[in-house]
PDB file of all heavy atoms in Angstrom:
ATOM      1  N   ALA A   1       0.847  -1.215  -0.075  1.00  0.00           N
ATOM      2  CA  ALA A   1       0.032   0.024  -0.045  1.00  0.00           C
ATOM      3  C   ALA A   1       0.883   1.177   0.060  1.00  0.00           C
ATOM      4  O   ALA A   1       0.597   2.317  -0.747  1.00  0.00           O
ATOM      5  CB  ALA A   1      -0.946   0.001   1.269  1.00  0.00           C
ATOM      6  N   VAL A   2       1.928   1.349   0.754  1.00  0.00           N
ATOM      7  CA  VAL A   2       2.810   2.449   0.853  1.00  0.00           C
ATOM      8  C   VAL A   2       3.509   2.694  -0.434  1.00  0.00           C
ATOM      9  O   VAL A   2       3.656   3.814  -0.942  1.00  0.00           O
ATOM     10  CB  VAL A   2       3.820   2.384   1.995  1.00  0.00           C
ATOM     11  CG1 VAL A   2       4.828   3.405   1.979  1.00  0.00           C
ATOM     12  CG2 VAL A   2       3.020   2.364   3.343  1.00  0.00           C
ATOM     13  N   VAL A   3       4.022   1.591  -0.988  1.00  0.00           N
ATOM     14  CA  VAL A   3       4.756   1.695  -2.365  1.00  0.00           C
ATOM     15  C   VAL A   3       3.750   2.194  -3.445  1.00  0.00           C
ATOM     16  O   VAL A   3       4.232   3.087  -4.145  1.00  0.00           O
ATOM     17  CB  VAL A   3       5.308   0.299  -2.695  1.00  0.00           C
ATOM     18  CG1 VAL A   3       5.698   0.258  -4.179  1.00  0.00           C
ATOM     19  CG2 VAL A   3       6.473  -0.051  -1.813  1.00  0.00           C
ATOM     20  N   LEU A   4       2.504   1.753  -3.481  1.00  0.00           N
ATOM     21  CA  LEU A   4       1.503   2.265  -4.415  1.00  0.00           C
ATOM     22  C   LEU A   4       1.258   3.684  -4.250  1.00  0.00           C
ATOM     23  O   LEU A   4       1.097   4.389  -5.232  1.00  0.00           O
ATOM     24  CB  LEU A   4       0.341   1.379  -4.301  1.00  0.00           C
ATOM     25  CG  LEU A   4       0.487  -0.081  -4.905  1.00  0.00           C
ATOM     26  CD1 LEU A   4      -0.914  -0.958  -4.689  1.00  0.00           C
ATOM     27  CD2 LEU A   4       0.710  -0.046  -6.308  1.00  0.00           C
ATOM     28  N   LEU A   5       1.107   3.987  -3.018  1.00  0.00           N
ATOM     29  CA  LEU A   5       0.756   5.477  -2.662  1.00  0.00           C
ATOM     30  C   LEU A   5       1.968   6.410  -3.092  1.00  0.00           C
ATOM     31  O   LEU A   5       1.741   7.392  -3.745  1.00  0.00           O
ATOM     32  CB  LEU A   5       0.477   5.652  -1.105  1.00  0.00           C
ATOM     33  CG  LEU A   5      -0.948   5.379  -0.712  1.00  0.00           C
ATOM     34  CD1 LEU A   5      -0.928   5.343   0.765  1.00  0.00           C
ATOM     35  CD2 LEU A   5      -1.927   6.305  -1.246  1.00  0.00           C
ATOM     36  N   CYS A   6       3.174   6.003  -2.872  1.00  0.00           N
ATOM     37  CA  CYS A   6       4.316   6.741  -3.213  1.00  0.00           C
ATOM     38  C   CYS A   6       4.494   6.709  -4.661  1.00  0.00           C
ATOM     39  O   CYS A   6       4.812   7.878  -5.302  1.00  0.00           O
ATOM     40  CB  CYS A   6       5.538   6.214  -2.523  1.00  0.00           C
ATOM     41  SG  CYS A   6       5.750   6.435  -0.821  1.00  0.00           S
ATOM     42  N   ALA A   7       4.293   5.684  -5.495  1.00  0.00           N
ATOM     43  CA  ALA A   7       4.305   5.584  -6.907  1.00  0.00           C
ATOM     44  C   ALA A   7       3.193   6.499  -7.436  1.00  0.00           C
ATOM     45  O   ALA A   7       3.516   7.197  -8.382  1.00  0.00           O
ATOM     46  CB  ALA A   7       4.071   4.156  -7.316  1.00  0.00           C
ATOM     47  N   ALA A   8       2.061   6.635  -6.896  1.00  0.00           N
ATOM     48  CA  ALA A   8       0.999   7.338  -7.428  1.00  0.00           C
ATOM     49  C   ALA A   8       1.321   8.921  -7.301  1.00  0.00           C
ATOM     50  O   ALA A   8       1.113   9.720  -8.205  1.00  0.00           O
ATOM     51  CB  ALA A   8      -0.272   7.084  -6.744  1.00  0.00           C
ATOM     52  N   ALA A   9       2.024   9.173  -6.136  1.00  0.00           N
ATOM     53  CA  ALA A   9       2.262  10.697  -5.888  1.00  0.00           C
ATOM     54  C   ALA A   9       3.548  11.074  -6.561  1.00  0.00           C
ATOM     55  O   ALA A   9       3.738  12.076  -7.102  1.00  0.00           O
ATOM     56  CB  ALA A   9       2.405  10.922  -4.345  1.00  0.00           C
ATOM     57  N   LEU A  10       4.699  10.201  -6.616  1.00  0.00           N
ATOM     58  CA  LEU A  10       5.937  10.563  -7.036  1.00  0.00           C
ATOM     59  C   LEU A  10       6.315  10.048  -8.384  1.00  0.00           C
ATOM     60  O   LEU A  10       7.249  10.345  -8.994  1.00  0.00           O
ATOM     61  CB  LEU A  10       6.986  10.111  -5.987  1.00  0.00           C
ATOM     62  CG  LEU A  10       6.819  10.668  -4.621  1.00  0.00           C
ATOM     63  CD1 LEU A  10       7.743   9.813  -3.585  1.00  0.00           C
ATOM     64  CD2 LEU A  10       7.032  12.089  -4.502  1.00  0.00           C
ATOM     65  N   GLY A  11       5.414   9.072  -8.950  1.00  0.00           N
ATOM     66  CA  GLY A  11       5.908   8.450 -10.205  1.00  0.00           C
ATOM     67  C   GLY A  11       6.762   7.195  -9.991  1.00  0.00           C
ATOM     68  O   GLY A  11       7.284   6.977  -8.866  1.00  0.00           O
ATOM     69  N   THR A  12       6.933   6.421 -11.051  1.00  0.00           N
ATOM     70  CA  THR A  12       7.778   5.372 -10.918  1.00  0.00           C
ATOM     71  C   THR A  12       9.034   5.564 -11.766  1.00  0.00           C
ATOM     72  O   THR A  12       9.157   6.205 -12.708  1.00  0.00           O
ATOM     73  CB  THR A  12       7.110   4.062 -11.440  1.00  0.00           C
ATOM     74  OG1 THR A  12       6.729   4.303 -12.806  1.00  0.00           O
ATOM     75  CG2 THR A  12       5.944   3.622 -10.701  1.00  0.00           C
ATOM     76  N   PRO A  13      10.201   5.022 -11.097  1.00  0.00           N
ATOM     77  CA  PRO A  13      11.440   5.239 -11.994  1.00  0.00           C
ATOM     78  C   PRO A  13      11.485   4.522 -13.375  1.00  0.00           C
ATOM     79  O   PRO A  13      10.882   3.410 -13.390  1.00  0.00           O
ATOM     80  CB  PRO A  13      12.596   4.629 -10.964  1.00  0.00           C
ATOM     81  CG  PRO A  13      11.740   3.697 -10.157  1.00  0.00           C
ATOM     82  CD  PRO A  13      10.326   4.293 -10.024  1.00  0.00           C
ATOM     83  N   THR A  14      12.020   5.052 -14.381  1.00  0.00           N
ATOM     84  CA  THR A  14      12.052   4.530 -15.601  1.00  0.00           C
ATOM     85  C   THR A  14      13.439   4.134 -16.100  1.00  0.00           C
ATOM     86  O   THR A  14      13.569   3.502 -17.129  1.00  0.00           O
ATOM     87  CB  THR A  14      11.449   5.436 -16.658  1.00  0.00           C
ATOM     88  OG1 THR A  14      12.123   6.728 -16.646  1.00  0.00           O
ATOM     89  CG2 THR A  14      10.027   5.726 -16.386  1.00  0.00           C
ATOM     90  N   THR A  15      14.502   4.421 -15.347  1.00  0.00           N
ATOM     91  CA  THR A  15      15.809   4.049 -15.660  1.00  0.00           C
ATOM     92  C   THR A  15      16.458   3.426 -14.451  1.00  0.00           C
ATOM     93  O   THR A  15      16.066   3.743 -13.287  1.00  0.00           O
ATOM     94  CB  THR A  15      16.676   5.347 -16.033  1.00  0.00           C
ATOM     95  OG1 THR A  15      16.635   6.233 -15.103  1.00  0.00           O
ATOM     96  CG2 THR A  15      16.039   5.975 -17.420  1.00  0.00           C
ATOM     97  N   ILE A  16      17.579   2.814 -14.766  1.00  0.00           N
ATOM     98  CA  ILE A  16      18.412   2.347 -13.631  1.00  0.00           C
ATOM     99  C   ILE A  16      19.438   3.341 -13.242  1.00  0.00           C
ATOM    100  O   ILE A  16      20.150   3.891 -14.181  1.00  0.00           O
ATOM    101  CB  ILE A  16      19.103   0.935 -14.139  1.00  0.00           C
ATOM    102  CG1 ILE A  16      18.127  -0.090 -14.391  1.00  0.00           C
ATOM    103  CG2 ILE A  16      20.174   0.500 -13.001  1.00  0.00           C
ATOM    104  CD1 ILE A  16      18.662  -1.387 -14.969  1.00  0.00           C
ATOM    105  N   THR A  17      19.496   3.684 -11.984  1.00  0.00           N
ATOM    106  CA  THR A  17      20.469   4.662 -11.501  1.00  0.00           C
ATOM    107  C   THR A  17      21.944   4.198 -11.555  1.00  0.00           C
ATOM    108  O   THR A  17      22.262   3.073 -11.064  1.00  0.00           O
ATOM    109  CB  THR A  17      20.083   5.039 -10.005  1.00  0.00           C
ATOM    110  OG1 THR A  17      18.753   5.513 -10.049  1.00  0.00           O
ATOM    111  CG2 THR A  17      20.981   6.140  -9.592  1.00  0.00           C
ATOM    112  N   SER A  18      22.839   5.023 -12.061  1.00  0.00           N
ATOM    113  CA  SER A  18      24.205   4.869 -12.007  1.00  0.00           C
ATOM    114  C   SER A  18      24.766   5.177 -10.745  1.00  0.00           C
ATOM    115  O   SER A  18      24.374   6.114 -10.060  1.00  0.00           O
ATOM    116  CB  SER A  18      24.933   5.555 -13.189  1.00  0.00           C
ATOM    117  OG  SER A  18      26.303   5.480 -12.944  1.00  0.00           O
ATOM    118  N   LEU A  19      25.702   4.400 -10.235  1.00  0.00           N
ATOM    119  CA  LEU A  19      26.435   4.656  -8.961  1.00  0.00           C
ATOM    120  C   LEU A  19      27.027   6.103  -8.982  1.00  0.00           C
ATOM    121  O   LEU A  19      27.122   6.781  -7.984  1.00  0.00           O
ATOM    122  CB  LEU A  19      27.574   3.669  -8.700  1.00  0.00           C
ATOM    123  CG  LEU A  19      26.926   2.389  -8.156  1.00  0.00           C
ATOM    124  CD1 LEU A  19      27.955   1.371  -8.026  1.00  0.00           C
ATOM    125  CD2 LEU A  19      25.998   2.492  -6.986  1.00  0.00           C
ATOM    126  N   SER A  20      27.413   6.508 -10.194  1.00  0.00           N
ATOM    127  CA  SER A  20      28.024   7.936 -10.271  1.00  0.00           C
ATOM    128  C   SER A  20      27.079   9.021 -10.187  1.00  0.00           C
ATOM    129  O   SER A  20      27.308  10.238  -9.957  1.00  0.00           O
ATOM    130  CB  SER A  20      28.964   8.066 -11.398  1.00  0.00           C
ATOM    131  OG  SER A  20      28.115   7.868 -12.619  1.00  0.00           O
ATOM    132  N   ASP A  21      25.785   8.668 -10.277  1.00  0.00           N
ATOM    133  CA  ASP A  21      24.739   9.824 -10.235  1.00  0.00           C
ATOM    134  C   ASP A  21      23.845   9.713  -9.007  1.00  0.00           C
ATOM    135  O   ASP A  21      22.710  10.316  -9.044  1.00  0.00           O
ATOM    136  CB  ASP A  21      23.814   9.578 -11.422  1.00  0.00           C
ATOM    137  CG  ASP A  21      24.486   9.818 -12.767  1.00  0.00           C
ATOM    138  OD1 ASP A  21      25.547  10.511 -12.653  1.00  0.00           O
ATOM    139  OD2 ASP A  21      24.057   9.375 -13.811  1.00  0.00           O
ATOM    140  N   VAL A  22      24.198   8.853  -7.940  1.00  0.00           N
ATOM    141  CA  VAL A  22      23.411   8.714  -6.853  1.00  0.00           C
ATOM    142  C   VAL A  22      23.071  10.079  -6.215  1.00  0.00           C
ATOM    143  O   VAL A  22      21.862  10.226  -5.827  1.00  0.00           O
ATOM    144  CB  VAL A  22      24.164   7.677  -5.781  1.00  0.00           C
ATOM    145  CG1 VAL A  22      23.396   7.750  -4.495  1.00  0.00           C
ATOM    146  CG2 VAL A  22      24.283   6.470  -6.446  1.00  0.00           C
ATOM    147  N   TYR A  23      23.998  10.951  -5.945  1.00  0.00           N
ATOM    148  CA  TYR A  23      23.731  12.215  -5.251  1.00  0.00           C
ATOM    149  C   TYR A  23      22.781  13.021  -6.157  1.00  0.00           C
ATOM    150  O   TYR A  23      21.975  13.773  -5.562  1.00  0.00           O
ATOM    151  CB  TYR A  23      24.997  12.893  -4.928  1.00  0.00           C
ATOM    152  CG  TYR A  23      25.793  12.133  -3.898  1.00  0.00           C
ATOM    153  CD1 TYR A  23      26.896  11.315  -4.118  1.00  0.00           C
ATOM    154  CD2 TYR A  23      25.304  12.090  -2.604  1.00  0.00           C
ATOM    155  CE1 TYR A  23      27.554  10.589  -3.177  1.00  0.00           C
ATOM    156  CE2 TYR A  23      25.941  11.294  -1.561  1.00  0.00           C
ATOM    157  CZ  TYR A  23      27.043  10.576  -1.853  1.00  0.00           C
ATOM    158  OH  TYR A  23      27.824   9.800  -0.871  1.00  0.00           O
ATOM    159  N   VAL A  24      22.939  13.049  -7.404  1.00  0.00           N
ATOM    160  CA  VAL A  24      22.044  13.870  -8.268  1.00  0.00           C
ATOM    161  C   VAL A  24      20.664  13.328  -8.124  1.00  0.00           C
ATOM    162  O   VAL A  24      19.591  14.165  -7.975  1.00  0.00           O
ATOM    163  CB  VAL A  24      22.566  13.896  -9.721  1.00  0.00           C
ATOM    164  CG1 VAL A  24      21.465  14.487 -10.519  1.00  0.00           C
ATOM    165  CG2 VAL A  24      23.946  14.489  -9.791  1.00  0.00           C
ATOM    166  N   ILE A  25      20.467  12.004  -8.207  1.00  0.00           N
ATOM    167  CA  ILE A  25      19.059  11.358  -8.189  1.00  0.00           C
ATOM    168  C   ILE A  25      18.532  11.641  -6.878  1.00  0.00           C
ATOM    169  O   ILE A  25      17.326  11.936  -6.651  1.00  0.00           O
ATOM    170  CB  ILE A  25      19.248   9.892  -8.394  1.00  0.00           C
ATOM    171  CG1 ILE A  25      19.839   9.580  -9.785  1.00  0.00           C
ATOM    172  CG2 ILE A  25      17.943   9.252  -8.195  1.00  0.00           C
ATOM    173  CD1 ILE A  25      18.934  10.110 -10.893  1.00  0.00           C
ATOM    174  N   ARG A  26      19.284  11.576  -5.742  1.00  0.00           N
ATOM    175  CA  ARG A  26      18.830  11.818  -4.353  1.00  0.00           C
ATOM    176  C   ARG A  26      18.412  13.226  -4.208  1.00  0.00           C
ATOM    177  O   ARG A  26      17.443  13.531  -3.604  1.00  0.00           O
ATOM    178  CB  ARG A  26      19.953  11.555  -3.354  1.00  0.00           C
ATOM    179  CG  ARG A  26      19.587  11.221  -1.994  1.00  0.00           C
ATOM    180  CD  ARG A  26      20.698  10.855  -1.107  1.00  0.00           C
ATOM    181  NE  ARG A  26      21.094   9.400  -1.235  1.00  0.00           N
ATOM    182  CZ  ARG A  26      22.097   8.920  -0.711  1.00  0.00           C
ATOM    183  NH1 ARG A  26      22.936   9.733   0.139  1.00  0.00           N
ATOM    184  NH2 ARG A  26      22.406   7.630  -0.840  1.00  0.00           N
ATOM    185  N   LEU A  27      19.121  14.190  -4.832  1.00  0.00           N
ATOM    186  CA  LEU A  27      18.685  15.554  -4.784  1.00  0.00           C
ATOM    187  C   LEU A  27      17.458  15.756  -5.599  1.00  0.00           C
ATOM    188  O   LEU A  27      16.549  16.518  -5.008  1.00  0.00           O
ATOM    189  CB  LEU A  27      19.776  16.505  -5.338  1.00  0.00           C
ATOM    190  CG  LEU A  27      19.603  18.074  -5.324  1.00  0.00           C
ATOM    191  CD1 LEU A  27      19.429  18.490  -3.838  1.00  0.00           C
ATOM    192  CD2 LEU A  27      20.671  18.687  -5.905  1.00  0.00           C
ATOM    193  N   ARG A  28      17.329  15.216  -6.571  1.00  0.00           N
ATOM    194  CA  ARG A  28      16.094  15.380  -7.436  1.00  0.00           C
ATOM    195  C   ARG A  28      14.830  14.661  -6.672  1.00  0.00           C
ATOM    196  O   ARG A  28      13.715  15.243  -6.581  1.00  0.00           O
ATOM    197  CB  ARG A  28      16.198  14.681  -8.739  1.00  0.00           C
ATOM    198  CG  ARG A  28      16.906  15.373  -9.713  1.00  0.00           C
ATOM    199  CD  ARG A  28      16.739  14.752 -11.166  1.00  0.00           C
ATOM    200  NE  ARG A  28      17.870  15.052 -11.823  1.00  0.00           N
ATOM    201  CZ  ARG A  28      18.544  14.190 -12.749  1.00  0.00           C
ATOM    202  NH1 ARG A  28      18.018  12.947 -12.899  1.00  0.00           N
ATOM    203  NH2 ARG A  28      19.644  14.656 -13.443  1.00  0.00           N
ATOM    204  N   PHE A  29      15.074  13.517  -5.952  1.00  0.00           N
ATOM    205  CA  PHE A  29      14.076  13.062  -5.152  1.00  0.00           C
ATOM    206  C   PHE A  29      13.606  13.842  -4.086  1.00  0.00           C
ATOM    207  O   PHE A  29      12.370  14.051  -3.733  1.00  0.00           O
ATOM    208  CB  PHE A  29      14.506  11.724  -4.642  1.00  0.00           C
ATOM    209  CG  PHE A  29      13.452  10.935  -3.896  1.00  0.00           C
ATOM    210  CD1 PHE A  29      12.303  10.389  -4.499  1.00  0.00           C
ATOM    211  CD2 PHE A  29      13.593  10.839  -2.586  1.00  0.00           C
ATOM    212  CE1 PHE A  29      11.305   9.768  -3.715  1.00  0.00           C
ATOM    213  CE2 PHE A  29      12.660  10.219  -1.723  1.00  0.00           C
ATOM    214  CZ  PHE A  29      11.570   9.690  -2.305  1.00  0.00           C
ATOM    215  N   ARG A  30      14.535  14.535  -3.347  1.00  0.00           N
ATOM    216  CA  ARG A  30      14.284  15.469  -2.261  1.00  0.00           C
ATOM    217  C   ARG A  30      13.386  16.658  -2.771  1.00  0.00           C
ATOM    218  O   ARG A  30      12.301  16.967  -2.150  1.00  0.00           O
ATOM    219  CB  ARG A  30      15.424  15.894  -1.587  1.00  0.00           C
ATOM    220  CG  ARG A  30      16.001  14.961  -0.627  1.00  0.00           C
ATOM    221  CD  ARG A  30      17.237  15.514   0.118  1.00  0.00           C
ATOM    222  NE  ARG A  30      17.886  14.446   0.810  1.00  0.00           N
ATOM    223  CZ  ARG A  30      19.228  14.450   1.203  1.00  0.00           C
ATOM    224  NH1 ARG A  30      19.970  15.566   0.702  1.00  0.00           N
ATOM    225  NH2 ARG A  30      19.795  13.388   1.833  1.00  0.00           N
ATOM    226  N   GLU A  31      13.737  17.139  -3.951  1.00  0.00           N
ATOM    227  CA  GLU A  31      12.941  18.253  -4.587  1.00  0.00           C
ATOM    228  C   GLU A  31      11.583  17.717  -4.906  1.00  0.00           C
ATOM    229  O   GLU A  31      10.480  18.552  -4.584  1.00  0.00           O
ATOM    230  CB  GLU A  31      13.678  18.767  -5.785  1.00  0.00           C
ATOM    231  CG  GLU A  31      14.978  19.608  -5.414  1.00  0.00           C
ATOM    232  CD  GLU A  31      15.786  19.874  -6.706  1.00  0.00           C
ATOM    233  OE1 GLU A  31      15.372  19.376  -7.861  1.00  0.00           O
ATOM    234  OE2 GLU A  31      16.823  20.530  -6.550  1.00  0.00           O
ATOM    235  N   GLN A  32      11.461  16.609  -5.497  1.00  0.00           N
ATOM    236  CA  GLN A  32      10.116  16.158  -5.762  1.00  0.00           C
ATOM    237  C   GLN A  32       9.291  15.803  -4.674  1.00  0.00           C
ATOM    238  O   GLN A  32       8.050  16.031  -4.527  1.00  0.00           O
ATOM    239  CB  GLN A  32      10.400  14.982  -6.738  1.00  0.00           C
ATOM    240  CG  GLN A  32       9.013  14.403  -7.288  1.00  0.00           C
ATOM    241  CD  GLN A  32       9.247  13.142  -8.159  1.00  0.00           C
ATOM    242  OE1 GLN A  32      10.315  12.557  -8.210  1.00  0.00           O
ATOM    243  NE2 GLN A  32       8.134  12.748  -8.897  1.00  0.00           N
ATOM    244  N   LEU A  33       9.952  15.328  -3.554  1.00  0.00           N
ATOM    245  CA  LEU A  33       9.287  14.937  -2.377  1.00  0.00           C
ATOM    246  C   LEU A  33       8.815  16.158  -1.597  1.00  0.00           C
ATOM    247  O   LEU A  33       7.682  16.193  -0.983  1.00  0.00           O
ATOM    248  CB  LEU A  33      10.219  14.182  -1.368  1.00  0.00           C
ATOM    249  CG  LEU A  33       9.511  13.492  -0.162  1.00  0.00           C
ATOM    250  CD1 LEU A  33       8.549  12.425  -0.707  1.00  0.00           C
ATOM    251  CD2 LEU A  33      10.730  12.820   0.572  1.00  0.00           C
ATOM    252  N   ALA A  34       9.415  17.291  -1.738  1.00  0.00           N
ATOM    253  CA  ALA A  34       8.994  18.657  -1.253  1.00  0.00           C
ATOM    254  C   ALA A  34       7.828  19.118  -1.975  1.00  0.00           C
ATOM    255  O   ALA A  34       7.102  19.916  -1.442  1.00  0.00           O
ATOM    256  CB  ALA A  34      10.149  19.671  -1.199  1.00  0.00           C
ATOM    257  N   SER A  35       7.484  18.697  -3.170  1.00  0.00           N
ATOM    258  CA  SER A  35       6.397  19.225  -3.903  1.00  0.00           C
ATOM    259  C   SER A  35       5.034  18.448  -3.731  1.00  0.00           C
ATOM    260  O   SER A  35       4.050  18.799  -4.125  1.00  0.00           O
ATOM    261  CB  SER A  35       6.779  19.244  -5.390  1.00  0.00           C
ATOM    262  OG  SER A  35       6.818  17.831  -5.933  1.00  0.00           O
ATOM    263  N   VAL A  36       5.175  17.384  -3.002  1.00  0.00           N
ATOM    264  CA  VAL A  36       3.954  16.560  -2.647  1.00  0.00           C
ATOM    265  C   VAL A  36       3.535  16.814  -1.177  1.00  0.00           C
ATOM    266  O   VAL A  36       4.428  17.337  -0.475  1.00  0.00           O
ATOM    267  CB  VAL A  36       4.075  15.044  -2.994  1.00  0.00           C
ATOM    268  CG1 VAL A  36       4.395  14.868  -4.537  1.00  0.00           C
ATOM    269  CG2 VAL A  36       5.249  14.579  -2.084  1.00  0.00           C
ATOM    270  N   PRO A  37       2.350  16.391  -0.876  1.00  0.00           N
ATOM    271  CA  PRO A  37       1.866  16.564   0.569  1.00  0.00           C
ATOM    272  C   PRO A  37       2.905  15.927   1.573  1.00  0.00           C
ATOM    273  O   PRO A  37       3.505  14.880   1.268  1.00  0.00           O
ATOM    274  CB  PRO A  37       0.488  15.784   0.676  1.00  0.00           C
ATOM    275  CG  PRO A  37      -0.033  15.956  -0.756  1.00  0.00           C
ATOM    276  CD  PRO A  37       1.255  15.853  -1.693  1.00  0.00           C
ATOM    277  N   GLY A  38       3.019  16.516   2.782  1.00  0.00           N
ATOM    278  CA  GLY A  38       3.971  16.186   3.710  1.00  0.00           C
ATOM    279  C   GLY A  38       3.944  14.703   4.167  1.00  0.00           C
ATOM    280  O   GLY A  38       4.856  14.138   4.715  1.00  0.00           O
ATOM    281  N   VAL A  39       2.728  14.056   4.036  1.00  0.00           N
ATOM    282  CA  VAL A  39       2.553  12.715   4.649  1.00  0.00           C
ATOM    283  C   VAL A  39       3.516  11.822   3.719  1.00  0.00           C
ATOM    284  O   VAL A  39       3.928  10.702   4.327  1.00  0.00           O
ATOM    285  CB  VAL A  39       0.960  12.362   4.398  1.00  0.00           C
ATOM    286  CG1 VAL A  39       0.798  12.175   2.987  1.00  0.00           C
ATOM    287  CG2 VAL A  39       0.814  10.933   5.244  1.00  0.00           C
ATOM    288  N   PHE A  40       3.888  12.065   2.510  1.00  0.00           N
ATOM    289  CA  PHE A  40       4.672  11.269   1.776  1.00  0.00           C
ATOM    290  C   PHE A  40       6.116  11.177   2.374  1.00  0.00           C
ATOM    291  O   PHE A  40       6.814  10.222   2.179  1.00  0.00           O
ATOM    292  CB  PHE A  40       4.622  11.528   0.324  1.00  0.00           C
ATOM    293  CG  PHE A  40       3.304  11.208  -0.312  1.00  0.00           C
ATOM    294  CD1 PHE A  40       2.330  12.204  -0.600  1.00  0.00           C
ATOM    295  CD2 PHE A  40       3.044   9.965  -0.626  1.00  0.00           C
ATOM    296  CE1 PHE A  40       1.172  11.868  -0.981  1.00  0.00           C
ATOM    297  CE2 PHE A  40       1.856   9.627  -1.193  1.00  0.00           C
ATOM    298  CZ  PHE A  40       0.801  10.507  -1.471  1.00  0.00           C
ATOM    299  N   GLY A  41       6.542  12.301   2.938  1.00  0.00           N
ATOM    300  CA  GLY A  41       7.842  12.199   3.629  1.00  0.00           C
ATOM    301  C   GLY A  41       7.881  11.225   4.700  1.00  0.00           C
ATOM    302  O   GLY A  41       8.792  10.423   4.879  1.00  0.00           O
ATOM    303  N   TYR A  42       6.695  11.220   5.456  1.00  0.00           N
ATOM    304  CA  TYR A  42       6.650  10.144   6.457  1.00  0.00           C
ATOM    305  C   TYR A  42       6.506   8.718   5.924  1.00  0.00           C
ATOM    306  O   TYR A  42       7.240   7.703   6.508  1.00  0.00           O
ATOM    307  CB  TYR A  42       5.411  10.391   7.409  1.00  0.00           C
ATOM    308  CG  TYR A  42       5.620  11.488   8.292  1.00  0.00           C
ATOM    309  CD1 TYR A  42       4.796  12.765   7.939  1.00  0.00           C
ATOM    310  CD2 TYR A  42       6.543  11.569   9.392  1.00  0.00           C
ATOM    311  CE1 TYR A  42       5.007  13.844   8.809  1.00  0.00           C
ATOM    312  CE2 TYR A  42       6.554  12.768  10.145  1.00  0.00           C
ATOM    313  CZ  TYR A  42       5.873  13.748   9.894  1.00  0.00           C
ATOM    314  OH  TYR A  42       5.897  14.917  10.748  1.00  0.00           O
ATOM    315  N   LEU A  43       5.793   8.635   4.720  1.00  0.00           N
ATOM    316  CA  LEU A  43       5.744   7.153   4.252  1.00  0.00           C
ATOM    317  C   LEU A  43       7.141   6.714   3.744  1.00  0.00           C
ATOM    318  O   LEU A  43       7.445   5.547   3.974  1.00  0.00           O
ATOM    319  CB  LEU A  43       4.802   7.320   3.059  1.00  0.00           C
ATOM    320  CG  LEU A  43       3.231   7.480   3.481  1.00  0.00           C
ATOM    321  CD1 LEU A  43       2.411   7.617   2.289  1.00  0.00           C
ATOM    322  CD2 LEU A  43       2.923   6.289   4.307  1.00  0.00           C
ATOM    323  N   VAL A  44       7.839   7.517   3.156  1.00  0.00           N
ATOM    324  CA  VAL A  44       9.250   7.234   2.626  1.00  0.00           C
ATOM    325  C   VAL A  44      10.082   6.834   3.907  1.00  0.00           C
ATOM    326  O   VAL A  44      10.762   5.854   3.798  1.00  0.00           O
ATOM    327  CB  VAL A  44       9.938   8.282   1.855  1.00  0.00           C
ATOM    328  CG1 VAL A  44      11.284   7.993   1.546  1.00  0.00           C
ATOM    329  CG2 VAL A  44       9.170   8.470   0.471  1.00  0.00           C
ATOM    330  N   GLY A  45      10.040   7.604   4.991  1.00  0.00           N
ATOM    331  CA  GLY A  45      10.734   7.325   6.169  1.00  0.00           C
ATOM    332  C   GLY A  45      10.338   5.997   6.757  1.00  0.00           C
ATOM    333  O   GLY A  45      11.251   5.206   7.168  1.00  0.00           O
ATOM    334  N   TRP A  46       9.099   5.664   6.739  1.00  0.00           N
ATOM    335  CA  TRP A  46       8.527   4.265   7.199  1.00  0.00           C
ATOM    336  C   TRP A  46       9.077   3.231   6.239  1.00  0.00           C
ATOM    337  O   TRP A  46       9.379   2.281   6.970  1.00  0.00           O
ATOM    338  CB  TRP A  46       7.047   4.351   7.234  1.00  0.00           C
ATOM    339  CG  TRP A  46       6.596   5.013   8.613  1.00  0.00           C
ATOM    340  CD1 TRP A  46       6.731   6.323   8.908  1.00  0.00           C
ATOM    341  CD2 TRP A  46       5.989   4.419   9.796  1.00  0.00           C
ATOM    342  NE1 TRP A  46       6.179   6.609  10.141  1.00  0.00           N
ATOM    343  CE2 TRP A  46       5.721   5.437  10.747  1.00  0.00           C
ATOM    344  CE3 TRP A  46       5.686   3.066  10.143  1.00  0.00           C
ATOM    345  CZ2 TRP A  46       5.240   5.095  11.964  1.00  0.00           C
ATOM    346  CZ3 TRP A  46       5.107   2.809  11.236  1.00  0.00           C
ATOM    347  CH2 TRP A  46       4.860   3.825  12.201  1.00  0.00           C
TER     348      TRP A  46
END
């Protein structure tokens, strides 16, 4: 249920992340997480 909620709000990944891009992907994810309701921050933490 949590994965489906997060996928509905944040979308699903379409590419495999390279190890050299981990920090860029993480920064984009934080920006995207800030644009959705705050409950999703808790869901990701859980």
